[in-house]
Amino acid sequence: MTLRPVLTRWIHGAAGQQRRAAATARSCKWTQSAQHRAHLGVAVVTGVSGAALLLPERREASGVVRAQGGIPSQVRAPSTAAGWQGADADGNVDDCGDGPAIQECMKLGKAVHVHCCPTGTLEFLQAKSDPDPSEGGPVQATVKAMGLPMSVHPPRFLILSGSIRQSSCSRQLAVETGRVLAAFGAEVKFYDAKGLPMFSEDIDPTSDPKVKELWKLLHWCEGMVWISPEYHGNYSAVLKNQVDWMPLSSNGVRPTQGKTLAVMQVCGGSQSFNTVNNLRTLGRWMRLVAIPNQCSIPVANKHFAEDGTMHEGGFRARVVDVAEELFKYTILLREQQPYLTQRYSENTEYKAGPKVTQTQAGAG
């Protein structure tokens, strides 16, 4: 197998002559710079959106030119950073070689502050009486650590609504979502925020019945659904107040950590995604695993019948999509929570870093 620079052109269809003319012009430029690129062992694929892709390549006995890795060079997608070999090569895939960033990593050597496996992996396997937890390397050890059998008890979901109005669309959407989850065999509970006091550290959480109810449901559930109307471009105070009352620590553990979350919103007018996006930020802060799918219902009062059920249609289909995804993600992840929520910063002693202030410039 010989590596050498060549020019591969796409010439096909009715515009073949134009492509040949353009390729001839490009080949002149290629000839001028070929000597400078010869040591790279690359091919330049041109004629696709004017972009060029640098590829190491080989010529097979049949005469077919293929990029390294077996992919025909003339069908490779063009580079978005045409002509900069470092950008193409830093991915370190087989047919791109080692770019400057990879070389820099190799020069610095292994990161000294990490172990052979992600935090908690070996300890988790030792607790499972694995005789040789590091056998097979980090990837195999991580797979074994996440290999706990999935339990078959019904997943438990808590649904929070961002409105206390009895006939609000967010409450109706909460009920519809709960019906879908229950149809799959899940256990579903709703929390009524009416009567929950505004969050205040002056209130003893153990003395208020509505706070105690929320805490009990929070520990009970394995996943949550947050549904809010959009007020002034954001989620409602009713929804945020419920989250504010969620403890950050309970017996040394954040009760929301590692649990799944689905987010939905209802809009009085045109469709918006401000609320679901901000709910994701809020859920991430609570260390919840927000599923990829989400739902936003525009002109929400038009989507519900008089009995409160949701009309069939594309928006209800999206609600079912979210419920199905939440159901599957919860079953997949719930048994792995003790391992997945292990954090390096909370399980390792390390030297104090540089002292900085929050006003330091250029931290980005």
Foldseek 3Di string as FASTA:
>chain_A
DDQFEDEDEDADDPCRVVRVVVVVVVVVVCVVCRVVCGVVSWYWYADDVGATDTWRWDADPVRQIPGPPRHRPNPDDGDPPGPDLQVQQVVVDPTNHHHPVNVVDVVVDDDPLDDQEPPPLQVLVVVVVDVDLCPPTHVVSVCVSLPDDQDDQAAEEEEEELDQPPQDLSVLLSVQLVVLSVVVVHHYDYQRLVPPDQDDPVDDLVVGPSLVVLAVSLLVHQEYEYEAEADPLEGHSSSVRSLSSQDCADPRHRSQAAGEYAYEYEYLADWDCSHVVVVVVSSVVSNHHYFPAYAYHHNSVVQADPVSHGDDDDRVVSSSVRSVRNSVVSSSRRVSRVPVRDDPVVPDDDDDDDDDDPPDPPPD
